[in-house]
Amino acid sequence: MNSRLVIFDLDGTLLNTLSDLTDSLNAVLAAHGMPQHSERAVKGFVGNGVRKLIERAVPGGINNPWFEMVLDENKAYYREHMDIKTAPYPGVLRALRWLKAAGYKTAIASNKYDAATQGLREKFFSDTIDAALGDGVVATKKPEPEIIYELMRRLDVKDPKDVLYVGDSDVDIRTAENAGIGCISVSWGFRTAKFLKEHGARVIIDRAGKLDPAIDMYFQDRT
């Protein structure tokens, strides 16, 4: 195995989790008589962790007296229903197998709470992703870089030049910048290519079939 590490965001990058996120959120909101949201709306809510998702979804945000209860119930409900409709995006599994065969180290860095992150890795990527970290393991969320540094430490990768981040959002772009590593943005997830470009994306790919050549090109440019 070489010393190069490719770190992926989870929701909107490796997995299409939107339907299960929406269904879980709406089940809990409905139980409390609160307005429900479309998948399109929830797509705009995600990316900053479950607490921010609930803040954006409940009337009055964190000032809602039921906020903490909805947050806790949503975590519990989602943990039991997170893999009903969720699936890898087309071509993702093939790309991950290619990375494995080529000797790359691989990891997931997510703002999804850690129990759900680990559960989804175990179900879909147990043989292709070496490590995963979600919210709650380090002190800060993305776009702060601590989660990247912790994955580098766990996988014994010392040079930021040997690390590449792949994600679908502005949060991911800023995470890579803050960590001093490269970034590839993907437009098949929760944000459009136009949005990503407006938020500083330098490399954008539109399907997972382009991942391996884009990753190879990134590291070849640094040899």
C-alpha atoms as a PDB file:
ATOM      1  CA  MET A   1       0.000   0.000   0.000  1.00  0.00           C
ATOM      2  CA  ASN A   2       1.330   3.436  -0.880  1.00  0.00           C
ATOM      3  CA  SER A   3       1.257   6.438   1.441  1.00  0.00           C
ATOM      4  CA  ARG A   4      -1.407   8.320  -0.466  1.00  0.00           C
ATOM      5  CA  LEU A   5      -4.778   8.852   1.167  1.00  0.00           C
ATOM      6  CA  VAL A   6      -8.104   9.714  -0.464  1.00  0.00           C
ATOM      7  CA  ILE A   7     -10.731  10.966   1.992  1.00  0.00           C
ATOM      8  CA  PHE A   8     -14.378  11.094   0.976  1.00  0.00           C
ATOM      9  CA  ASP A   9     -17.385  12.939   2.262  1.00  0.00           C
ATOM     10  CA  LEU A  10     -20.277  10.500   2.777  1.00  0.00           C
ATOM     11  CA  ASP A  11     -23.739  12.002   2.107  1.00  0.00           C
ATOM     12  CA  GLY A  12     -24.011  13.263  -1.453  1.00  0.00           C
ATOM     13  CA  THR A  13     -20.575  11.936  -2.417  1.00  0.00           C
ATOM     14  CA  LEU A  14     -20.435   8.195  -1.797  1.00  0.00           C
ATOM     15  CA  LEU A  15     -24.056   7.587  -0.837  1.00  0.00           C
ATOM     16  CA  ASN A  16     -27.379   9.025  -1.941  1.00  0.00           C
ATOM     17  CA  THR A  17     -28.904   9.329   1.522  1.00  0.00           C
ATOM     18  CA  LEU A  18     -31.452  12.023   0.740  1.00  0.00           C
ATOM     19  CA  SER A  19     -34.624   9.916   0.787  1.00  0.00           C
ATOM     20  CA  ASP A  20     -33.846   8.277   4.125  1.00  0.00           C
ATOM     21  CA  LEU A  21     -32.793  11.606   5.640  1.00  0.00           C
ATOM     22  CA  THR A  22     -36.048  13.189   4.464  1.00  0.00           C
ATOM     23  CA  ASP A  23     -38.271  10.317   5.530  1.00  0.00           C
ATOM     24  CA  SER A  24     -36.693  10.134   8.994  1.00  0.00           C
ATOM     25  CA  LEU A  25     -36.911  13.870   9.510  1.00  0.00           C
ATOM     26  CA  ASN A  26     -40.539  14.028   8.404  1.00  0.00           C
ATOM     27  CA  ALA A  27     -41.556  11.066  10.576  1.00  0.00           C
ATOM     28  CA  VAL A  28     -40.318  12.856  13.675  1.00  0.00           C
ATOM     29  CA  LEU A  29     -41.703  16.241  12.643  1.00  0.00           C
ATOM     30  CA  ALA A  30     -45.111  14.686  11.973  1.00  0.00           C
ATOM     31  CA  ALA A  31     -45.079  13.043  15.399  1.00  0.00           C
ATOM     32  CA  HIS A  32     -44.831  16.520  16.925  1.00  0.00           C
ATOM     33  CA  GLY A  33     -47.357  18.146  14.599  1.00  0.00           C
ATOM     34  CA  MET A  34     -44.692  20.186  12.806  1.00  0.00           C
ATOM     35  CA  PRO A  35     -44.600  20.986   9.074  1.00  0.00           C
ATOM     36  CA  GLN A  36     -42.804  18.457   6.899  1.00  0.00           C
ATOM     37  CA  HIS A  37     -40.308  19.154   4.122  1.00  0.00           C
ATOM     38  CA  SER A  38     -39.687  18.005   0.562  1.00  0.00           C
ATOM     39  CA  GLU A  39     -36.507  16.219  -0.486  1.00  0.00           C
ATOM     40  CA  ARG A  40     -35.526  19.360  -2.378  1.00  0.00           C
ATOM     41  CA  ALA A  41     -35.768  21.410   0.811  1.00  0.00           C
ATOM     42  CA  VAL A  42     -33.890  18.838   2.890  1.00  0.00           C
ATOM     43  CA  LYS A  43     -31.120  18.777   0.267  1.00  0.00           C
ATOM     44  CA  GLY A  44     -30.507  22.408   1.157  1.00  0.00           C
ATOM     45  CA  PHE A  45     -30.577  21.717   4.905  1.00  0.00           C
ATOM     46  CA  VAL A  46     -27.837  19.073   5.020  1.00  0.00           C
ATOM     47  CA  GLY A  47     -24.056  19.373   5.135  1.00  0.00           C
ATOM     48  CA  ASN A  48     -23.409  20.844   8.568  1.00  0.00           C
ATOM     49  CA  GLY A  49     -24.433  17.963  10.823  1.00  0.00           C
ATOM     50  CA  VAL A  50     -27.704  16.761  12.286  1.00  0.00           C
ATOM     51  CA  ARG A  51     -28.043  19.589  14.800  1.00  0.00           C
ATOM     52  CA  LYS A  52     -27.975  22.178  12.025  1.00  0.00           C
ATOM     53  CA  LEU A  53     -30.389  20.025   9.995  1.00  0.00           C
ATOM     54  CA  ILE A  54     -32.938  20.083  12.818  1.00  0.00           C
ATOM     55  CA  GLU A  55     -32.360  23.787  13.422  1.00  0.00           C
ATOM     56  CA  ARG A  56     -33.232  24.466   9.795  1.00  0.00           C
ATOM     57  CA  ALA A  57     -36.199  22.086   9.778  1.00  0.00           C
ATOM     58  CA  VAL A  58     -38.182  22.930  12.927  1.00  0.00           C
ATOM     59  CA  PRO A  59     -40.194  26.152  13.270  1.00  0.00           C
ATOM     60  CA  GLY A  60     -38.188  28.649  15.285  1.00  0.00           C
ATOM     61  CA  GLY A  61     -34.955  26.661  15.045  1.00  0.00           C
ATOM     62  CA  ILE A  62     -33.031  26.236  18.283  1.00  0.00           C
ATOM     63  CA  ASN A  63     -35.536  28.467  20.073  1.00  0.00           C
ATOM     64  CA  ASN A  64     -38.285  25.887  19.550  1.00  0.00           C
ATOM     65  CA  PRO A  65     -39.013  24.332  22.978  1.00  0.00           C
ATOM     66  CA  TRP A  66     -39.116  20.872  21.365  1.00  0.00           C
ATOM     67  CA  PHE A  67     -35.787  21.322  19.554  1.00  0.00           C
ATOM     68  CA  GLU A  68     -33.665  18.986  21.690  1.00  0.00           C
ATOM     69  CA  MET A  69     -36.384  16.319  21.780  1.00  0.00           C
ATOM     70  CA  VAL A  70     -36.777  16.396  17.996  1.00  0.00           C
ATOM     71  CA  LEU A  71     -32.996  16.225  17.623  1.00  0.00           C
ATOM     72  CA  ASP A  72     -32.693  13.158  19.865  1.00  0.00           C
ATOM     73  CA  GLU A  73     -35.688  11.417  18.312  1.00  0.00           C
ATOM     74  CA  ASN A  74     -34.428  12.095  14.804  1.00  0.00           C
ATOM     75  CA  LYS A  75     -31.050  10.540  15.625  1.00  0.00           C
ATOM     76  CA  ALA A  76     -32.717   7.440  17.034  1.00  0.00           C
ATOM     77  CA  TYR A  77     -35.230   7.117  14.186  1.00  0.00           C
ATOM     78  CA  TYR A  78     -32.619   7.661  11.478  1.00  0.00           C
ATOM     79  CA  ARG A  79     -30.251   5.126  13.038  1.00  0.00           C
ATOM     80  CA  GLU A  80     -32.987   2.488  12.613  1.00  0.00           C
ATOM     81  CA  HIS A  81     -34.060   3.587   9.111  1.00  0.00           C
ATOM     82  CA  MET A  82     -30.890   4.931   7.497  1.00  0.00           C
ATOM     83  CA  ASP A  83     -30.387   2.178   4.920  1.00  0.00           C
ATOM     84  CA  ILE A  84     -33.885   1.632   3.531  1.00  0.00           C
ATOM     85  CA  LYS A  85     -33.506   3.697   0.348  1.00  0.00           C
ATOM     86  CA  THR A  86     -29.864   4.738   0.688  1.00  0.00           C
ATOM     87  CA  ALA A  87     -27.430   3.357  -1.904  1.00  0.00           C
ATOM     88  CA  PRO A  88     -24.039   4.188  -3.411  1.00  0.00           C
ATOM     89  CA  TYR A  89     -24.101   6.483  -6.414  1.00  0.00           C
ATOM     90  CA  PRO A  90     -23.541   4.725  -9.760  1.00  0.00           C
ATOM     91  CA  GLY A  91     -19.887   3.886 -10.284  1.00  0.00           C
ATOM     92  CA  VAL A  92     -18.796   4.588  -6.712  1.00  0.00           C
ATOM     93  CA  LEU A  93     -18.148   0.977  -5.712  1.00  0.00           C
ATOM     94  CA  ARG A  94     -16.139   0.343  -8.865  1.00  0.00           C
ATOM     95  CA  ALA A  95     -14.033   3.447  -8.219  1.00  0.00           C
ATOM     96  CA  LEU A  96     -13.384   2.398  -4.623  1.00  0.00           C
ATOM     97  CA  ARG A  97     -12.326  -1.079  -5.717  1.00  0.00           C
ATOM     98  CA  TRP A  98      -9.942   0.503  -8.197  1.00  0.00           C
ATOM     99  CA  LEU A  99      -8.427   2.663  -5.451  1.00  0.00           C
ATOM    100  CA  LYS A 100      -7.999  -0.397  -3.264  1.00  0.00           C
ATOM    101  CA  ALA A 101      -6.317  -2.355  -6.057  1.00  0.00           C
ATOM    102  CA  ALA A 102      -4.034   0.599  -6.812  1.00  0.00           C
ATOM    103  CA  GLY A 103      -2.875   0.674  -3.180  1.00  0.00           C
ATOM    104  CA  TYR A 104      -4.458   3.917  -2.031  1.00  0.00           C
ATOM    105  CA  LYS A 105      -5.555   4.345   1.572  1.00  0.00           C
ATOM    106  CA  THR A 106      -9.172   5.477   1.817  1.00  0.00           C
ATOM    107  CA  ALA A 107     -11.317   7.097   4.496  1.00  0.00           C
ATOM    108  CA  ILE A 108     -14.601   8.862   5.175  1.00  0.00           C
ATOM    109  CA  ALA A 109     -14.863  12.242   6.937  1.00  0.00           C
ATOM    110  CA  SER A 110     -18.468  13.184   7.627  1.00  0.00           C
ATOM    111  CA  ASN A 111     -20.500  15.683   9.626  1.00  0.00           C
ATOM    112  CA  LYS A 112     -23.074  12.919  10.095  1.00  0.00           C
ATOM    113  CA  TYR A 113     -22.958  11.749  13.705  1.00  0.00           C
ATOM    114  CA  ASP A 114     -20.416   8.994  14.168  1.00  0.00           C
ATOM    115  CA  ALA A 115     -22.718   6.057  14.958  1.00  0.00           C
ATOM    116  CA  ALA A 116     -24.572   6.506  11.667  1.00  0.00           C
ATOM    117  CA  THR A 117     -21.320   7.096   9.764  1.00  0.00           C
ATOM    118  CA  GLN A 118     -19.858   3.857  11.097  1.00  0.00           C
ATOM    119  CA  GLY A 119     -23.056   1.925  10.409  1.00  0.00           C
ATOM    120  CA  LEU A 120     -23.194   3.025   6.786  1.00  0.00           C
ATOM    121  CA  ARG A 121     -19.505   2.335   6.228  1.00  0.00           C
ATOM    122  CA  GLU A 122     -19.933  -1.146   7.646  1.00  0.00           C
ATOM    123  CA  LYS A 123     -22.907  -1.913   5.411  1.00  0.00           C
ATOM    124  CA  PHE A 124     -21.652  -0.470   2.120  1.00  0.00           C
ATOM    125  CA  PHE A 125     -17.871  -0.032   2.294  1.00  0.00           C
ATOM    126  CA  SER A 126     -16.431  -2.483   4.823  1.00  0.00           C
ATOM    127  CA  ASP A 127     -14.056  -3.936   2.220  1.00  0.00           C
ATOM    128  CA  THR A 128     -13.123  -0.709   0.408  1.00  0.00           C
ATOM    129  CA  ILE A 129     -12.859   2.083   3.016  1.00  0.00           C
ATOM    130  CA  ASP A 130     -10.084   1.775   5.596  1.00  0.00           C
ATOM    131  CA  ALA A 131     -11.424   4.183   8.226  1.00  0.00           C
ATOM    132  CA  ALA A 132     -14.341   6.519   8.900  1.00  0.00           C
ATOM    133  CA  LEU A 133     -14.986   9.365  11.299  1.00  0.00           C
ATOM    134  CA  GLY A 134     -18.232  11.193  11.934  1.00  0.00           C
ATOM    135  CA  ASP A 135     -19.345  14.008  14.183  1.00  0.00           C
ATOM    136  CA  GLY A 136     -18.478  13.654  17.851  1.00  0.00           C
ATOM    137  CA  VAL A 137     -15.083  11.955  17.581  1.00  0.00           C
ATOM    138  CA  VAL A 138     -13.024  15.133  17.346  1.00  0.00           C
ATOM    139  CA  ALA A 139     -13.884  18.459  18.948  1.00  0.00           C
ATOM    140  CA  THR A 140     -15.005  20.264  15.793  1.00  0.00           C
ATOM    141  CA  LYS A 141     -17.029  19.664  12.643  1.00  0.00           C
ATOM    142  CA  LYS A 142     -16.028  20.257   9.059  1.00  0.00           C
ATOM    143  CA  PRO A 143     -14.962  22.703   7.696  1.00  0.00           C
ATOM    144  CA  GLU A 144     -12.524  22.732  10.616  1.00  0.00           C
ATOM    145  CA  PRO A 145      -9.618  20.437   9.669  1.00  0.00           C
ATOM    146  CA  GLU A 146      -9.252  18.316  12.836  1.00  0.00           C
ATOM    147  CA  ILE A 147     -11.165  15.378  11.372  1.00  0.00           C
ATOM    148  CA  ILE A 148      -8.719  15.272   8.444  1.00  0.00           C
ATOM    149  CA  TYR A 149      -5.705  15.379  10.748  1.00  0.00           C
ATOM    150  CA  GLU A 150      -7.133  12.582  12.894  1.00  0.00           C
ATOM    151  CA  LEU A 151      -7.670  10.340   9.860  1.00  0.00           C
ATOM    152  CA  MET A 152      -4.127  11.063   8.698  1.00  0.00           C
ATOM    153  CA  ARG A 153      -2.855  10.104  12.156  1.00  0.00           C
ATOM    154  CA  ARG A 154      -4.865   6.880  12.259  1.00  0.00           C
ATOM    155  CA  LEU A 155      -3.754   5.832   8.783  1.00  0.00           C
ATOM    156  CA  ASP A 156      -0.136   6.939   9.279  1.00  0.00           C
ATOM    157  CA  VAL A 157      -0.059   9.545   6.516  1.00  0.00           C
ATOM    158  CA  LYS A 158       2.135  12.470   7.513  1.00  0.00           C
ATOM    159  CA  ASP A 159       2.438  14.733   4.474  1.00  0.00           C
ATOM    160  CA  PRO A 160      -0.642  16.774   3.430  1.00  0.00           C
ATOM    161  CA  LYS A 161       0.642  16.535  -0.143  1.00  0.00           C
ATOM    162  CA  ASP A 162      -0.249  12.848   0.001  1.00  0.00           C
ATOM    163  CA  VAL A 163      -3.882  13.531   0.889  1.00  0.00           C
ATOM    164  CA  LEU A 164      -6.824  14.342  -1.388  1.00  0.00           C
ATOM    165  CA  TYR A 165     -10.369  15.162  -0.333  1.00  0.00           C
ATOM    166  CA  VAL A 166     -13.458  14.352  -2.430  1.00  0.00           C
ATOM    167  CA  GLY A 167     -16.775  15.989  -1.577  1.00  0.00           C
ATOM    168  CA  ASP A 168     -19.959  17.504  -2.938  1.00  0.00           C
ATOM    169  CA  SER A 169     -20.334  20.765  -1.004  1.00  0.00           C
ATOM    170  CA  ASP A 170     -18.854  24.138  -0.113  1.00  0.00           C
ATOM    171  CA  VAL A 171     -18.176  22.713   3.362  1.00  0.00           C
ATOM    172  CA  ASP A 172     -15.933  20.099   1.762  1.00  0.00           C
ATOM    173  CA  ILE A 173     -14.080  22.694  -0.286  1.00  0.00           C
ATOM    174  CA  ARG A 174     -13.368  24.759   2.828  1.00  0.00           C
ATOM    175  CA  THR A 175     -12.390  21.657   4.793  1.00  0.00           C
ATOM    176  CA  ALA A 176      -9.716  20.806   2.235  1.00  0.00           C
ATOM    177  CA  GLU A 177      -8.481  24.393   2.174  1.00  0.00           C
ATOM    178  CA  ASN A 178      -8.279  24.549   5.969  1.00  0.00           C
ATOM    179  CA  ALA A 179      -6.395  21.251   6.094  1.00  0.00           C
ATOM    180  CA  GLY A 180      -3.964  22.268   3.358  1.00  0.00           C
ATOM    181  CA  ILE A 181      -4.880  19.352   1.082  1.00  0.00           C
ATOM    182  CA  GLY A 182      -6.188  18.995  -2.447  1.00  0.00           C
ATOM    183  CA  CYS A 183      -9.868  18.744  -3.318  1.00  0.00           C
ATOM    184  CA  ILE A 184     -11.999  17.221  -6.043  1.00  0.00           C
ATOM    185  CA  SER A 185     -15.637  18.316  -6.054  1.00  0.00           C
ATOM    186  CA  VAL A 186     -18.439  16.125  -7.384  1.00  0.00           C
ATOM    187  CA  SER A 187     -21.657  17.466  -8.879  1.00  0.00           C
ATOM    188  CA  TRP A 188     -23.813  14.331  -8.649  1.00  0.00           C
ATOM    189  CA  GLY A 189     -24.678  14.961  -5.003  1.00  0.00           C
ATOM    190  CA  PHE A 190     -26.458  17.679  -3.048  1.00  0.00           C
ATOM    191  CA  ARG A 191     -24.939  20.749  -4.753  1.00  0.00           C
ATOM    192  CA  THR A 192     -24.757  21.745  -8.415  1.00  0.00           C
ATOM    193  CA  ALA A 193     -21.609  22.339 -10.449  1.00  0.00           C
ATOM    194  CA  LYS A 194     -22.547  26.020 -10.670  1.00  0.00           C
ATOM    195  CA  PHE A 195     -22.822  26.266  -6.889  1.00  0.00           C
ATOM    196  CA  LEU A 196     -19.515  24.459  -6.385  1.00  0.00           C
ATOM    197  CA  LYS A 197     -17.711  26.686  -8.860  1.00  0.00           C
ATOM    198  CA  GLU A 198     -19.119  29.796  -7.174  1.00  0.00           C
ATOM    199  CA  HIS A 199     -17.745  28.491  -3.859  1.00  0.00           C
ATOM    200  CA  GLY A 200     -14.216  27.947  -5.083  1.00  0.00           C
ATOM    201  CA  ALA A 201     -14.138  24.459  -6.593  1.00  0.00           C
ATOM    202  CA  ARG A 202     -11.155  24.022  -8.897  1.00  0.00           C
ATOM    203  CA  VAL A 203     -11.822  20.488 -10.137  1.00  0.00           C
ATOM    204  CA  ILE A 204     -15.421  19.290 -10.631  1.00  0.00           C
ATOM    205  CA  ILE A 205     -16.432  15.897 -11.981  1.00  0.00           C
ATOM    206  CA  ASP A 206     -19.961  14.845 -12.861  1.00  0.00           C
ATOM    207  CA  ARG A 207     -19.831  11.044 -12.552  1.00  0.00           C
ATOM    208  CA  ALA A 208     -17.944   8.491 -10.528  1.00  0.00           C
ATOM    209  CA  GLY A 209     -16.431   6.966 -13.655  1.00  0.00           C
ATOM    210  CA  LYS A 210     -14.162   9.996 -13.780  1.00  0.00           C
ATOM    211  CA  LEU A 211     -12.886   9.575 -10.228  1.00  0.00           C
ATOM    212  CA  ASP A 212      -9.925   7.297 -10.846  1.00  0.00           C
ATOM    213  CA  PRO A 213      -8.375   9.326 -13.689  1.00  0.00           C
ATOM    214  CA  ALA A 214      -8.958  12.567 -11.749  1.00  0.00           C
ATOM    215  CA  ILE A 215      -7.305  11.121  -8.630  1.00  0.00           C
ATOM    216  CA  ASP A 216      -4.397   9.706 -10.631  1.00  0.00           C
ATOM    217  CA  MET A 217      -3.894  13.046 -12.391  1.00  0.00           C
ATOM    218  CA  TYR A 218      -3.904  14.923  -9.075  1.00  0.00           C
ATOM    219  CA  PHE A 219      -1.120  12.815  -7.609  1.00  0.00           C
ATOM    220  CA  GLN A 220       0.873  12.599 -10.852  1.00  0.00           C
ATOM    221  CA  ASP A 221       1.053  16.397 -10.871  1.00  0.00           C
ATOM    222  CA  ARG A 222       2.721  16.202  -7.449  1.00  0.00           C
ATOM    223  CA  THR A 223       5.450  13.712  -8.308  1.00  0.00           C
END
